[in-house]
């Protein structure tokens, strides 16, 4: 049983692909979260942006992990960027469970050019300690594979005890 959890929300499948790849590379458990709100199509796209700007959240649908959240050595949280913010689904997860997480890292997927450092700060508001590692990926960019590998390298270093904090 792994002591690393990759938990994520993905509307279009981009974040899911990245997080499943990261989970496989780290031999980590992978769990997708949802909130039951209809988010498909162009109406769903608009709803996502509005929910993110308003910081609205809906209750999460039930999800299961192999162990209690507080027992994971590291929880890697994956989210798409909506209107310059983390998805409202991940915000709901962090509001509900963030204080129970011992150590966190962030993976954000984006379509824009910015690195979205503000998204990490927004997410850190809901956890006890600041995140350990992070990566902002634009899947169609030339450097995407490089930055994913760099994130994996840094995360392995943290897990081996070689690096205490970001």
Foldseek 3Di string as FASTA:
>chain_A
DALEEEEEEDDPCPQVVLSVVLCVVVVHHYWYKAQPDDLDDPVNLVVQQVCFVVLNAHAIDDIDDPDPQLRRPEYEYEAEQHNLEGTSRVSNVLQVCQASHDAYEYEYEYQDDDFSPVRQVVSQVRHDDRHAYYGYAHPPDPCRVVRSVVRSVSVVCVVVVNDPGD
